[in-house]
PDB file of N, CA and C in Angstrom:
ATOM      1  N   MET A   1      13.739 -97.757  18.483  1.00  0.00           N
ATOM      2  CA  MET A   1      14.527 -97.650  19.697  1.00  0.00           C
ATOM      3  C   MET A   1      15.863 -98.365  19.533  1.00  0.00           C
ATOM      4  N   TYR A   2      15.843 -99.513  18.879  1.00  0.00           N
ATOM      5  CA  TYR A   2      17.050-100.297  18.663  1.00  0.00           C
ATOM      6  C   TYR A   2      18.080 -99.494  17.857  1.00  0.00           C
ATOM      7  N   ILE A   3      17.609 -98.764  16.844  1.00  0.00           N
ATOM      8  CA  ILE A   3      18.496 -97.973  15.992  1.00  0.00           C
ATOM      9  C   ILE A   3      19.160 -96.858  16.802  1.00  0.00           C
ATOM     10  N   VAL A   4      18.401 -96.226  17.680  1.00  0.00           N
ATOM     11  CA  VAL A   4      18.943 -95.145  18.504  1.00  0.00           C
ATOM     12  C   VAL A   4      20.030 -95.688  19.428  1.00  0.00           C
ATOM     13  N   VAL A   5      19.788 -96.829  20.019  1.00  0.00           N
ATOM     14  CA  VAL A   5      20.759 -97.437  20.926  1.00  0.00           C
ATOM     15  C   VAL A   5      22.034 -97.787  20.165  1.00  0.00           C
ATOM     16  N   GLN A   6      21.904 -98.318  18.966  1.00  0.00           N
ATOM     17  CA  GLN A   6      23.075 -98.675  18.161  1.00  0.00           C
ATOM     18  C   GLN A   6      23.887 -97.424  17.790  1.00  0.00           C
ATOM     19  N   LYS A   7      23.193 -96.357  17.437  1.00  0.00           N
ATOM     20  CA  LYS A   7      23.885 -95.111  17.101  1.00  0.00           C
ATOM     21  C   LYS A   7      24.606 -94.540  18.314  1.00  0.00           C
ATOM     22  N   LEU A   8      23.988 -94.621  19.462  1.00  0.00           N
ATOM     23  CA  LEU A   8      24.627 -94.137  20.689  1.00  0.00           C
ATOM     24  C   LEU A   8      25.875 -94.956  21.013  1.00  0.00           C
ATOM     25  N   LYS A   9      25.815 -96.255  20.799  1.00  0.00           N
ATOM     26  CA  LYS A   9      26.983 -97.099  21.049  1.00  0.00           C
ATOM     27  C   LYS A   9      28.135 -96.728  20.116  1.00  0.00           C
ATOM     28  N   ARG A  10      27.805 -96.465  18.831  1.00  0.00           N
ATOM     29  CA  ARG A  10      28.850 -96.053  17.895  1.00  0.00           C
ATOM     30  C   ARG A  10      29.422 -94.689  18.246  1.00  0.00           C
ATOM     31  N   MET A  11      28.569 -93.788  18.710  1.00  0.00           N
ATOM     32  CA  MET A  11      29.013 -92.443  19.088  1.00  0.00           C
ATOM     33  C   MET A  11      29.879 -92.477  20.338  1.00  0.00           C
ATOM     34  N   GLN A  12      29.677 -93.458  21.176  1.00  0.00           N
ATOM     35  CA  GLN A  12      30.443 -93.566  22.405  1.00  0.00           C
ATOM     36  C   GLN A  12      31.914 -93.863  22.108  1.00  0.00           C
ATOM     37  N   GLN A  13      32.192 -94.542  21.037  1.00  0.00           N
ATOM     38  CA  GLN A  13      33.561 -94.917  20.699  1.00  0.00           C
ATOM     39  C   GLN A  13      34.387 -93.711  20.253  1.00  0.00           C
ATOM     40  N   ARG A  14      33.778 -92.724  19.617  1.00  0.00           N
ATOM     41  CA  ARG A  14      34.518 -91.560  19.129  1.00  0.00           C
ATOM     42  C   ARG A  14      35.195 -90.769  20.253  1.00  0.00           C
ATOM     43  N   PRO A  15      34.493 -90.425  21.336  1.00  0.00           N
ATOM     44  CA  PRO A  15      35.198 -89.719  22.415  1.00  0.00           C
ATOM     45  C   PRO A  15      36.310 -90.552  23.037  1.00  0.00           C
ATOM     46  N   LYS A  16      36.120 -91.865  23.101  1.00  0.00           N
ATOM     47  CA  LYS A  16      37.171 -92.729  23.651  1.00  0.00           C
ATOM     48  C   LYS A  16      38.409 -92.693  22.757  1.00  0.00           C
ATOM     49  N   ASP A  17      38.202 -92.759  21.442  1.00  0.00           N
ATOM     50  CA  ASP A  17      39.331 -92.703  20.517  1.00  0.00           C
ATOM     51  C   ASP A  17      40.025 -91.346  20.596  1.00  0.00           C
ATOM     52  N   PHE A  18      39.240 -90.283  20.660  1.00  0.00           N
ATOM     53  CA  PHE A  18      39.796 -88.934  20.785  1.00  0.00           C
ATOM     54  C   PHE A  18      40.626 -88.813  22.055  1.00  0.00           C
ATOM     55  N   ASN A  19      40.117 -89.335  23.143  1.00  0.00           N
ATOM     56  CA  ASN A  19      40.824 -89.288  24.418  1.00  0.00           C
ATOM     57  C   ASN A  19      42.146 -90.060  24.341  1.00  0.00           C
ATOM     58  N   LYS A  20      42.135 -91.223  23.722  1.00  0.00           N
ATOM     59  CA  LYS A  20      43.355 -92.016  23.594  1.00  0.00           C
ATOM     60  C   LYS A  20      44.388 -91.297  22.730  1.00  0.00           C
ATOM     61  N   ARG A  21      43.932 -90.689  21.631  1.00  0.00           N
ATOM     62  CA  ARG A  21      44.856 -89.999  20.731  1.00  0.00           C
ATOM     63  C   ARG A  21      45.493 -88.779  21.368  1.00  0.00           C
ATOM     64  N   HIS A  22      44.717 -87.997  22.087  1.00  0.00           N
ATOM     65  CA  HIS A  22      45.205 -86.693  22.551  1.00  0.00           C
ATOM     66  C   HIS A  22      45.639 -86.658  24.017  1.00  0.00           C
ATOM     67  N   PHE A  23      45.169 -87.569  24.832  1.00  0.00           N
ATOM     68  CA  PHE A  23      45.440 -87.454  26.264  1.00  0.00           C
ATOM     69  C   PHE A  23      46.032 -88.713  26.896  1.00  0.00           C
ATOM     70  N   SER A  24      46.319 -89.721  26.115  1.00  0.00           N
ATOM     71  CA  SER A  24      46.918 -90.911  26.716  1.00  0.00           C
ATOM     72  C   SER A  24      48.399 -90.668  26.968  1.00  0.00           C
ATOM     73  N   GLN A  25      48.899 -91.227  28.005  1.00  0.00           N
ATOM     74  CA  GLN A  25      50.302 -91.115  28.403  1.00  0.00           C
ATOM     75  C   GLN A  25      50.756 -89.655  28.445  1.00  0.00           C
ATOM     76  N   ILE A  26      49.943 -88.818  29.048  1.00  0.00           N
ATOM     77  CA  ILE A  26      50.189 -87.378  29.050  1.00  0.00           C
ATOM     78  C   ILE A  26      51.474 -87.037  29.797  1.00  0.00           C
ATOM     79  N   GLU A  27      51.769 -87.770  30.855  1.00  0.00           N
ATOM     80  CA  GLU A  27      52.966 -87.474  31.636  1.00  0.00           C
ATOM     81  C   GLU A  27      54.233 -87.739  30.814  1.00  0.00           C
ATOM     82  N   GLU A  28      54.255 -88.852  30.107  1.00  0.00           N
ATOM     83  CA  GLU A  28      55.408 -89.174  29.257  1.00  0.00           C
ATOM     84  C   GLU A  28      55.549 -88.152  28.130  1.00  0.00           C
ATOM     85  N   ARG A  29      54.452 -87.778  27.522  1.00  0.00           N
ATOM     86  CA  ARG A  29      54.492 -86.799  26.428  1.00  0.00           C
ATOM     87  C   ARG A  29      54.963 -85.440  26.931  1.00  0.00           C
ATOM     88  N   PHE A  30      54.560 -85.072  28.145  1.00  0.00           N
ATOM     89  CA  PHE A  30      55.001 -83.812  28.734  1.00  0.00           C
ATOM     90  C   PHE A  30      56.512 -83.827  28.951  1.00  0.00           C
ATOM     91  N   HIS A  31      57.015 -84.904  29.536  1.00  0.00           N
ATOM     92  CA  HIS A  31      58.449 -84.991  29.816  1.00  0.00           C
ATOM     93  C   HIS A  31      59.277 -85.061  28.531  1.00  0.00           C
ATOM     94  N   SER A  32      58.765 -85.744  27.511  1.00  0.00           N
ATOM     95  CA  SER A  32      59.515 -85.813  26.254  1.00  0.00           C
ATOM     96  C   SER A  32      59.534 -84.446  25.563  1.00  0.00           C
ATOM     97  N   ALA A  33      58.440 -83.695  25.645  1.00  0.00           N
ATOM     98  CA  ALA A  33      58.419 -82.339  25.074  1.00  0.00           C
ATOM     99  C   ALA A  33      59.399 -81.441  25.815  1.00  0.00           C
ATOM    100  N   GLN A  34      59.471 -81.583  27.113  1.00  0.00           N
ATOM    101  CA  GLN A  34      60.407 -80.806  27.924  1.00  0.00           C
ATOM    102  C   GLN A  34      61.847 -81.156  27.532  1.00  0.00           C
ATOM    103  N   GLN A  35      62.116 -82.424  27.367  1.00  0.00           N
ATOM    104  CA  GLN A  35      63.450 -82.886  26.975  1.00  0.00           C
ATOM    105  C   GLN A  35      63.816 -82.356  25.588  1.00  0.00           C
ATOM    106  N   GLN A  36      62.859 -82.378  24.685  1.00  0.00           N
ATOM    107  CA  GLN A  36      63.101 -81.906  23.321  1.00  0.00           C
ATOM    108  C   GLN A  36      63.466 -80.417  23.314  1.00  0.00           C
ATOM    109  N   VAL A  37      62.760 -79.612  24.101  1.00  0.00           N
ATOM    110  CA  VAL A  37      63.069 -78.185  24.177  1.00  0.00           C
ATOM    111  C   VAL A  37      64.478 -77.981  24.716  1.00  0.00           C
ATOM    112  N   GLN A  38      64.852 -78.727  25.728  1.00  0.00           N
ATOM    113  CA  GLN A  38      66.191 -78.600  26.298  1.00  0.00           C
ATOM    114  C   GLN A  38      67.272 -78.977  25.283  1.00  0.00           C
ATOM    115  N   GLU A  39      67.042 -80.042  24.532  1.00  0.00           N
ATOM    116  CA  GLU A  39      68.014 -80.467  23.530  1.00  0.00           C
ATOM    117  C   GLU A  39      68.172 -79.411  22.439  1.00  0.00           C
ATOM    118  N   ILE A  40      67.063 -78.846  21.989  1.00  0.00           N
ATOM    119  CA  ILE A  40      67.127 -77.823  20.943  1.00  0.00           C
ATOM    120  C   ILE A  40      67.838 -76.577  21.455  1.00  0.00           C
ATOM    121  N   LYS A  41      67.607 -76.222  22.698  1.00  0.00           N
ATOM    122  CA  LYS A  41      68.300 -75.060  23.272  1.00  0.00           C
ATOM    123  C   LYS A  41      69.801 -75.301  23.360  1.00  0.00           C
ATOM    124  N   MET A  42      70.207 -76.522  23.661  1.00  0.00           N
ATOM    125  CA  MET A  42      71.637 -76.847  23.694  1.00  0.00           C
ATOM    126  C   MET A  42      72.239 -76.713  22.296  1.00  0.00           C
ATOM    127  N   GLU A  43      71.514 -77.206  21.275  1.00  0.00           N
ATOM    128  CA  GLU A  43      71.979 -77.068  19.890  1.00  0.00           C
ATOM    129  C   GLU A  43      72.030 -75.598  19.481  1.00  0.00           C
ATOM    130  N   LEU A  44      71.064 -74.835  19.947  1.00  0.00           N
ATOM    131  CA  LEU A  44      70.985 -73.422  19.596  1.00  0.00           C
ATOM    132  C   LEU A  44      72.142 -72.625  20.201  1.00  0.00           C
ATOM    133  N   GLN A  45      72.653 -73.085  21.327  1.00  0.00           N
ATOM    134  CA  GLN A  45      73.820 -72.422  21.916  1.00  0.00           C
ATOM    135  C   GLN A  45      75.056 -72.619  21.047  1.00  0.00           C
ATOM    136  N   LYS A  46      75.135 -73.741  20.355  1.00  0.00           N
ATOM    137  CA  LYS A  46      76.269 -74.019  19.474  1.00  0.00           C
ATOM    138  C   LYS A  46      76.172 -73.230  18.171  1.00  0.00           C
ATOM    139  N   ALA A  47      74.951 -73.061  17.670  1.00  0.00           N
ATOM    140  CA  ALA A  47      74.740 -72.344  16.399  1.00  0.00           C
ATOM    141  C   ALA A  47      73.593 -71.351  16.567  1.00  0.00           C
ATOM    142  N   PRO A  48      73.848 -70.204  17.196  1.00  0.00           N
ATOM    143  CA  PRO A  48      72.761 -69.262  17.492  1.00  0.00           C
ATOM    144  C   PRO A  48      72.141 -68.568  16.282  1.00  0.00           C
ATOM    145  N   SER A  49      72.793 -68.591  15.136  1.00  0.00           N
ATOM    146  CA  SER A  49      72.245 -67.888  13.968  1.00  0.00           C
ATOM    147  C   SER A  49      71.507 -68.817  13.005  1.00  0.00           C
ATOM    148  N   ASP A  50      71.333 -70.062  13.348  1.00  0.00           N
ATOM    149  CA  ASP A  50      70.640 -71.031  12.492  1.00  0.00           C
ATOM    150  C   ASP A  50      69.133 -70.784  12.567  1.00  0.00           C
ATOM    151  N   HIS A  51      68.567 -70.296  11.467  1.00  0.00           N
ATOM    152  CA  HIS A  51      67.149 -69.924  11.450  1.00  0.00           C
ATOM    153  C   HIS A  51      66.218 -71.126  11.550  1.00  0.00           C
ATOM    154  N   GLN A  52      66.627 -72.250  10.964  1.00  0.00           N
ATOM    155  CA  GLN A  52      65.807 -73.462  11.077  1.00  0.00           C
ATOM    156  C   GLN A  52      65.742 -73.932  12.522  1.00  0.00           C
ATOM    157  N   LEU A  53      66.861 -73.841  13.203  1.00  0.00           N
ATOM    158  CA  LEU A  53      66.914 -74.249  14.601  1.00  0.00           C
ATOM    159  C   LEU A  53      66.084 -73.321  15.476  1.00  0.00           C
ATOM    160  N   ILE A  54      66.093 -72.036  15.159  1.00  0.00           N
ATOM    161  CA  ILE A  54      65.279 -71.063  15.905  1.00  0.00           C
ATOM    162  C   ILE A  54      63.801 -71.387  15.736  1.00  0.00           C
ATOM    163  N   GLN A  55      63.397 -71.691  14.493  1.00  0.00           N
ATOM    164  CA  GLN A  55      61.999 -72.043  14.239  1.00  0.00           C
ATOM    165  C   GLN A  55      61.628 -73.345  14.933  1.00  0.00           C
ATOM    166  N   LYS A  56      62.564 -74.287  14.927  1.00  0.00           N
ATOM    167  CA  LYS A  56      62.343 -75.564  15.612  1.00  0.00           C
ATOM    168  C   LYS A  56      62.135 -75.336  17.113  1.00  0.00           C
ATOM    169  N   GLU A  57      62.918 -74.420  17.675  1.00  0.00           N
ATOM    170  CA  GLU A  57      62.809 -74.109  19.103  1.00  0.00           C
ATOM    171  C   GLU A  57      61.464 -73.454  19.427  1.00  0.00           C
ATOM    172  N   VAL A  58      60.999 -72.572  18.548  1.00  0.00           N
ATOM    173  CA  VAL A  58      59.698 -71.929  18.751  1.00  0.00           C
ATOM    174  C   VAL A  58      58.583 -72.971  18.708  1.00  0.00           C
ATOM    175  N   ASP A  59      58.647 -73.866  17.728  1.00  0.00           N
ATOM    176  CA  ASP A  59      57.626 -74.914  17.609  1.00  0.00           C
ATOM    177  C   ASP A  59      57.652 -75.856  18.814  1.00  0.00           C
ATOM    178  N   ALA A  60      58.850 -76.241  19.241  1.00  0.00           N
ATOM    179  CA  ALA A  60      58.978 -77.141  20.385  1.00  0.00           C
ATOM    180  C   ALA A  60      58.487 -76.462  21.660  1.00  0.00           C
ATOM    181  N   SER A  61      58.759 -75.183  21.811  1.00  0.00           N
ATOM    182  CA  SER A  61      58.285 -74.457  22.994  1.00  0.00           C
ATOM    183  C   SER A  61      56.770 -74.361  23.016  1.00  0.00           C
ATOM    184  N   THR A  62      56.180 -74.121  21.860  1.00  0.00           N
ATOM    185  CA  THR A  62      54.715 -74.067  21.763  1.00  0.00           C
ATOM    186  C   THR A  62      54.106 -75.413  22.128  1.00  0.00           C
ATOM    187  N   HIS A  63      54.703 -76.475  21.590  1.00  0.00           N
ATOM    188  CA  HIS A  63      54.215 -77.824  21.906  1.00  0.00           C
ATOM    189  C   HIS A  63      54.378 -78.116  23.399  1.00  0.00           C
ATOM    190  N   TYR A  64      55.500 -77.716  23.968  1.00  0.00           N
ATOM    191  CA  TYR A  64      55.758 -77.921  25.394  1.00  0.00           C
ATOM    192  C   TYR A  64      54.716 -77.196  26.246  1.00  0.00           C
ATOM    193  N   LYS A  65      54.382 -75.966  25.867  1.00  0.00           N
ATOM    194  CA  LYS A  65      53.385 -75.208  26.632  1.00  0.00           C
ATOM    195  C   LYS A  65      52.024 -75.899  26.600  1.00  0.00           C
ATOM    196  N   LYS A  66      51.661 -76.441  25.444  1.00  0.00           N
ATOM    197  CA  LYS A  66      50.390 -77.172  25.341  1.00  0.00           C
ATOM    198  C   LYS A  66      50.409 -78.428  26.210  1.00  0.00           C
ATOM    199  N   MET A  67      51.520 -79.154  26.166  1.00  0.00           N
ATOM    200  CA  MET A  67      51.646 -80.368  26.969  1.00  0.00           C
ATOM    201  C   MET A  67      51.643 -80.038  28.463  1.00  0.00           C
ATOM    202  N   LYS A  68      52.281 -78.945  28.824  1.00  0.00           N
ATOM    203  CA  LYS A  68      52.318 -78.540  30.230  1.00  0.00           C
ATOM    204  C   LYS A  68      50.908 -78.215  30.720  1.00  0.00           C
ATOM    205  N   GLU A  69      50.158 -77.485  29.901  1.00  0.00           N
ATOM    206  CA  GLU A  69      48.782 -77.135  30.268  1.00  0.00           C
ATOM    207  C   GLU A  69      47.915 -78.385  30.407  1.00  0.00           C
ATOM    208  N   ALA A  70      48.060 -79.314  29.487  1.00  0.00           N
ATOM    209  CA  ALA A  70      47.282 -80.551  29.540  1.00  0.00           C
ATOM    210  C   ALA A  70      47.684 -81.386  30.757  1.00  0.00           C
ATOM    211  N   TYR A  71      48.977 -81.444  31.050  1.00  0.00           N
ATOM    212  CA  TYR A  71      49.466 -82.209  32.198  1.00  0.00           C
ATOM    213  C   TYR A  71      48.967 -81.597  33.505  1.00  0.00           C
ATOM    214  N   GLU A  72      49.010 -80.277  33.614  1.00  0.00           N
ATOM    215  CA  GLU A  72      48.511 -79.620  34.826  1.00  0.00           C
ATOM    216  C   GLU A  72      47.016 -79.852  35.000  1.00  0.00           C
ATOM    217  N   SER A  73      46.290 -79.816  33.904  1.00  0.00           N
ATOM    218  CA  SER A  73      44.852 -80.091  33.965  1.00  0.00           C
ATOM    219  C   SER A  73      44.606 -81.532  34.422  1.00  0.00           C
ATOM    220  N   PHE A  74      45.396 -82.451  33.899  1.00  0.00           N
ATOM    221  CA  PHE A  74      45.282 -83.856  34.291  1.00  0.00           C
ATOM    222  C   PHE A  74      45.549 -84.035  35.776  1.00  0.00           C
ATOM    223  N   ILE A  75      46.611 -83.415  36.281  1.00  0.00           N
ATOM    224  CA  ILE A  75      46.956 -83.523  37.697  1.00  0.00           C
ATOM    225  C   ILE A  75      45.840 -82.934  38.559  1.00  0.00           C
ATOM    226  N   PHE A  76      45.308 -81.793  38.132  1.00  0.00           N
ATOM    227  CA  PHE A  76      44.223 -81.155  38.885  1.00  0.00           C
ATOM    228  C   PHE A  76      43.003 -82.068  38.941  1.00  0.00           C
ATOM    229  N   GLN A  77      42.647 -82.671  37.815  1.00  0.00           N
ATOM    230  CA  GLN A  77      41.485 -83.563  37.784  1.00  0.00           C
ATOM    231  C   GLN A  77      41.717 -84.798  38.650  1.00  0.00           C
ATOM    232  N   ARG A  78      42.934 -85.339  38.598  1.00  0.00           N
ATOM    233  CA  ARG A  78      43.239 -86.520  39.397  1.00  0.00           C
ATOM    234  C   ARG A  78      43.151 -86.194  40.892  1.00  0.00           C
ATOM    235  N   THR A  79      43.644 -85.030  41.286  1.00  0.00           N
ATOM    236  CA  THR A  79      43.577 -84.613  42.680  1.00  0.00           C
ATOM    237  C   THR A  79      42.130 -84.419  43.108  1.00  0.00           C
ATOM    238  N   LYS A  80      41.345 -83.825  42.232  1.00  0.00           N
ATOM    239  CA  LYS A  80      39.942 -83.599  42.550  1.00  0.00           C
ATOM    240  C   LYS A  80      39.197 -84.926  42.729  1.00  0.00           C
ATOM    241  N   ILE A  81      39.509 -85.888  41.881  1.00  0.00           N
ATOM    242  CA  ILE A  81      38.880 -87.207  41.999  1.00  0.00           C
ATOM    243  C   ILE A  81      39.276 -87.857  43.317  1.00  0.00           C
ATOM    244  N   GLN A  82      40.562 -87.740  43.652  1.00  0.00           N
ATOM    245  CA  GLN A  82      41.030 -88.328  44.912  1.00  0.00           C
ATOM    246  C   GLN A  82      40.332 -87.664  46.092  1.00  0.00           C
ATOM    247  N   TRP A  83      40.147 -86.341  46.017  1.00  0.00           N
ATOM    248  CA  TRP A  83      39.468 -85.637  47.106  1.00  0.00           C
ATOM    249  C   TRP A  83      38.018 -86.097  47.219  1.00  0.00           C
ATOM    250  N   LEU A  84      37.353 -86.303  46.073  1.00  0.00           N
ATOM    251  CA  LEU A  84      35.968 -86.767  46.111  1.00  0.00           C
ATOM    252  C   LEU A  84      35.864 -88.167  46.692  1.00  0.00           C
ATOM    253  N   LYS A  85      36.851 -89.006  46.420  1.00  0.00           N
ATOM    254  CA  LYS A  85      36.828 -90.366  46.960  1.00  0.00           C
ATOM    255  C   LYS A  85      37.105 -90.373  48.457  1.00  0.00           C
ATOM    256  N   GLU A  86      38.171 -89.671  48.857  1.00  0.00           N
ATOM    257  CA  GLU A  86      38.599 -89.736  50.247  1.00  0.00           C
ATOM    258  C   GLU A  86      38.031 -88.606  51.082  1.00  0.00           C
ATOM    259  N   GLY A  87      37.841 -87.459  50.447  1.00  0.00           N
ATOM    260  CA  GLY A  87      37.152 -86.326  51.035  1.00  0.00           C
ATOM    261  C   GLY A  87      37.546 -85.938  52.438  1.00  0.00           C
ATOM    262  N   ASP A  88      36.546 -85.559  53.213  1.00  0.00           N
ATOM    263  CA  ASP A  88      36.761 -85.061  54.561  1.00  0.00           C
ATOM    264  C   ASP A  88      36.863 -86.172  55.595  1.00  0.00           C
ATOM    265  N   SER A  89      36.868 -87.395  55.158  1.00  0.00           N
ATOM    266  CA  SER A  89      36.986 -88.476  56.137  1.00  0.00           C
ATOM    267  C   SER A  89      38.358 -88.397  56.794  1.00  0.00           C
ATOM    268  N   ASN A  90      38.485 -89.015  57.888  1.00  0.00           N
ATOM    269  CA  ASN A  90      39.681 -88.924  58.728  1.00  0.00           C
ATOM    270  C   ASN A  90      40.802 -89.796  58.150  1.00  0.00           C
ATOM    271  N   THR A  91      41.332 -89.387  56.974  1.00  0.00           N
ATOM    272  CA  THR A  91      42.367 -90.167  56.305  1.00  0.00           C
ATOM    273  C   THR A  91      43.692 -89.412  56.295  1.00  0.00           C
ATOM    274  N   ARG A  92      44.726 -90.121  55.937  1.00  0.00           N
ATOM    275  CA  ARG A  92      46.044 -89.507  55.831  1.00  0.00           C
ATOM    276  C   ARG A  92      46.041 -88.437  54.740  1.00  0.00           C
ATOM    277  N   PHE A  93      45.329 -88.690  53.648  1.00  0.00           N
ATOM    278  CA  PHE A  93      45.229 -87.714  52.565  1.00  0.00           C
ATOM    279  C   PHE A  93      44.619 -86.406  53.064  1.00  0.00           C
ATOM    280  N   PHE A  94      43.558 -86.507  53.841  1.00  0.00           N
ATOM    281  CA  PHE A  94      42.894 -85.314  54.381  1.00  0.00           C
ATOM    282  C   PHE A  94      43.843 -84.523  55.276  1.00  0.00           C
ATOM    283  N   HIS A  95      44.539 -85.196  56.163  1.00  0.00           N
ATOM    284  CA  HIS A  95      45.429 -84.503  57.092  1.00  0.00           C
ATOM    285  C   HIS A  95      46.634 -83.880  56.373  1.00  0.00           C
ATOM    286  N   ARG A  96      47.144 -84.555  55.352  1.00  0.00           N
ATOM    287  CA  ARG A  96      48.223 -83.963  54.561  1.00  0.00           C
ATOM    288  C   ARG A  96      47.742 -82.713  53.843  1.00  0.00           C
ATOM    289  N   SER A  97      46.531 -82.741  53.323  1.00  0.00           N
ATOM    290  CA  SER A  97      45.966 -81.575  52.630  1.00  0.00           C
ATOM    291  C   SER A  97      45.824 -80.400  53.583  1.00  0.00           C
ATOM    292  N   ILE A  98      45.333 -80.653  54.772  1.00  0.00           N
ATOM    293  CA  ILE A  98      45.161 -79.591  55.764  1.00  0.00           C
ATOM    294  C   ILE A  98      46.521 -79.033  56.180  1.00  0.00           C
ATOM    295  N   ARG A  99      47.481 -79.911  56.414  1.00  0.00           N
ATOM    296  CA  ARG A  99      48.820 -79.467  56.806  1.00  0.00           C
ATOM    297  C   ARG A  99      49.448 -78.596  55.717  1.00  0.00           C
ATOM    298  N   ARG A 100      49.312 -79.023  54.453  1.00  0.00           N
ATOM    299  CA  ARG A 100      49.850 -78.259  53.332  1.00  0.00           C
ATOM    300  C   ARG A 100      49.177 -76.897  53.231  1.00  0.00           C
ATOM    301  N   ARG A 101      47.864 -76.858  53.422  1.00  0.00           N
ATOM    302  CA  ARG A 101      47.129 -75.592  53.344  1.00  0.00           C
ATOM    303  C   ARG A 101      47.554 -74.645  54.460  1.00  0.00           C
ATOM    304  N   LYS A 102      47.720 -75.173  55.663  1.00  0.00           N
ATOM    305  CA  LYS A 102      48.189 -74.347  56.789  1.00  0.00           C
ATOM    306  C   LYS A 102      49.567 -73.763  56.494  1.00  0.00           C
ATOM    307  N   PHE A 103      50.448 -74.596  55.952  1.00  0.00           N
ATOM    308  CA  PHE A 103      51.805 -74.160  55.644  1.00  0.00           C
ATOM    309  C   PHE A 103      51.790 -73.045  54.597  1.00  0.00           C
ATOM    310  N   GLN A 104      50.936 -73.152  53.594  1.00  0.00           N
ATOM    311  CA  GLN A 104      50.871 -72.152  52.530  1.00  0.00           C
ATOM    312  C   GLN A 104      50.252 -70.843  53.021  1.00  0.00           C
ATOM    313  N   GLN A 105      49.371 -70.902  53.999  1.00  0.00           N
ATOM    314  CA  GLN A 105      48.655 -69.717  54.439  1.00  0.00           C
ATOM    315  C   GLN A 105      49.292 -69.017  55.628  1.00  0.00           C
ATOM    316  N   ARG A 106      50.387 -69.536  56.141  1.00  0.00           N
ATOM    317  CA  ARG A 106      50.980 -68.911  57.313  1.00  0.00           C
ATOM    318  C   ARG A 106      51.655 -67.588  56.944  1.00  0.00           C
ATOM    319  N   VAL A 107      51.739 -66.690  57.911  1.00  0.00           N
ATOM    320  CA  VAL A 107      52.359 -65.389  57.726  1.00  0.00           C
ATOM    321  C   VAL A 107      53.749 -65.456  58.342  1.00  0.00           C
ATOM    322  N   LEU A 108      54.774 -65.246  57.538  1.00  0.00           N
ATOM    323  CA  LEU A 108      56.144 -65.328  58.023  1.00  0.00           C
ATOM    324  C   LEU A 108      56.625 -63.992  58.594  1.00  0.00           C
ATOM    325  N   GLU A 109      56.262 -62.899  57.926  1.00  0.00           N
ATOM    326  CA  GLU A 109      56.664 -61.585  58.415  1.00  0.00           C
ATOM    327  C   GLU A 109      55.722 -60.534  57.848  1.00  0.00           C
ATOM    328  N   ILE A 110      55.647 -59.422  58.551  1.00  0.00           N
ATOM    329  CA  ILE A 110      54.822 -58.302  58.112  1.00  0.00           C
ATOM    330  C   ILE A 110      55.742 -57.105  57.937  1.00  0.00           C
ATOM    331  N   ILE A 111      55.692 -56.512  56.761  1.00  0.00           N
ATOM    332  CA  ILE A 111      56.554 -55.371  56.475  1.00  0.00           C
ATOM    333  C   ILE A 111      55.661 -54.204  56.058  1.00  0.00           C
ATOM    334  N   ASP A 112      55.855 -53.036  56.691  1.00  0.00           N
ATOM    335  CA  ASP A 112      55.104 -51.857  56.292  1.00  0.00           C
ATOM    336  C   ASP A 112      55.817 -51.165  55.126  1.00  0.00           C
ATOM    337  N   LYS A 113      55.280 -50.039  54.683  1.00  0.00           N
ATOM    338  CA  LYS A 113      55.838 -49.377  53.491  1.00  0.00           C
ATOM    339  C   LYS A 113      57.236 -48.796  53.732  1.00  0.00           C
ATOM    340  N   ASN A 114      57.652 -48.664  54.989  1.00  0.00           N
ATOM    341  CA  ASN A 114      59.015 -48.187  55.293  1.00  0.00           C
ATOM    342  C   ASN A 114      60.006 -49.344  55.397  1.00  0.00           C
ATOM    343  N   GLY A 115      59.541 -50.585  55.298  1.00  0.00           N
ATOM    344  CA  GLY A 115      60.411 -51.733  55.360  1.00  0.00           C
ATOM    345  C   GLY A 115      60.650 -52.221  56.771  1.00  0.00           C
ATOM    346  N   VAL A 116      59.860 -51.763  57.737  1.00  0.00           N
ATOM    347  CA  VAL A 116      60.036 -52.155  59.138  1.00  0.00           C
ATOM    348  C   VAL A 116      59.154 -53.351  59.429  1.00  0.00           C
ATOM    349  N   ILE A 117      59.721 -54.304  60.151  1.00  0.00           N
ATOM    350  CA  ILE A 117      58.954 -55.498  60.511  1.00  0.00           C
ATOM    351  C   ILE A 117      58.142 -55.216  61.764  1.00  0.00           C
TER     352      ILE A 117
END
């Protein structure tokens, strides 16, 4: 039993290390990837026929898309955790969520196929 517990403790460290390597400071990494793409695009405007710069832009855009996806996933998880903590209780967070949902679901105008309101 002791050996199993020791192995489990060692195995627990691997996911923590993986998480630190790939998902730590995700917001900063997302913003730096965004900045890098913008800088490369500015350089590309000066020299549009530079093939190395074009490849650099493709690589930076791919990296940016991955960072954006990871950042959005992080934000979604953080929001979900906050909802689980504060939930349906009568809090400011709950009322802001309801207000936002009402605003998103409201109907501003109805147009038929002839374009008449």
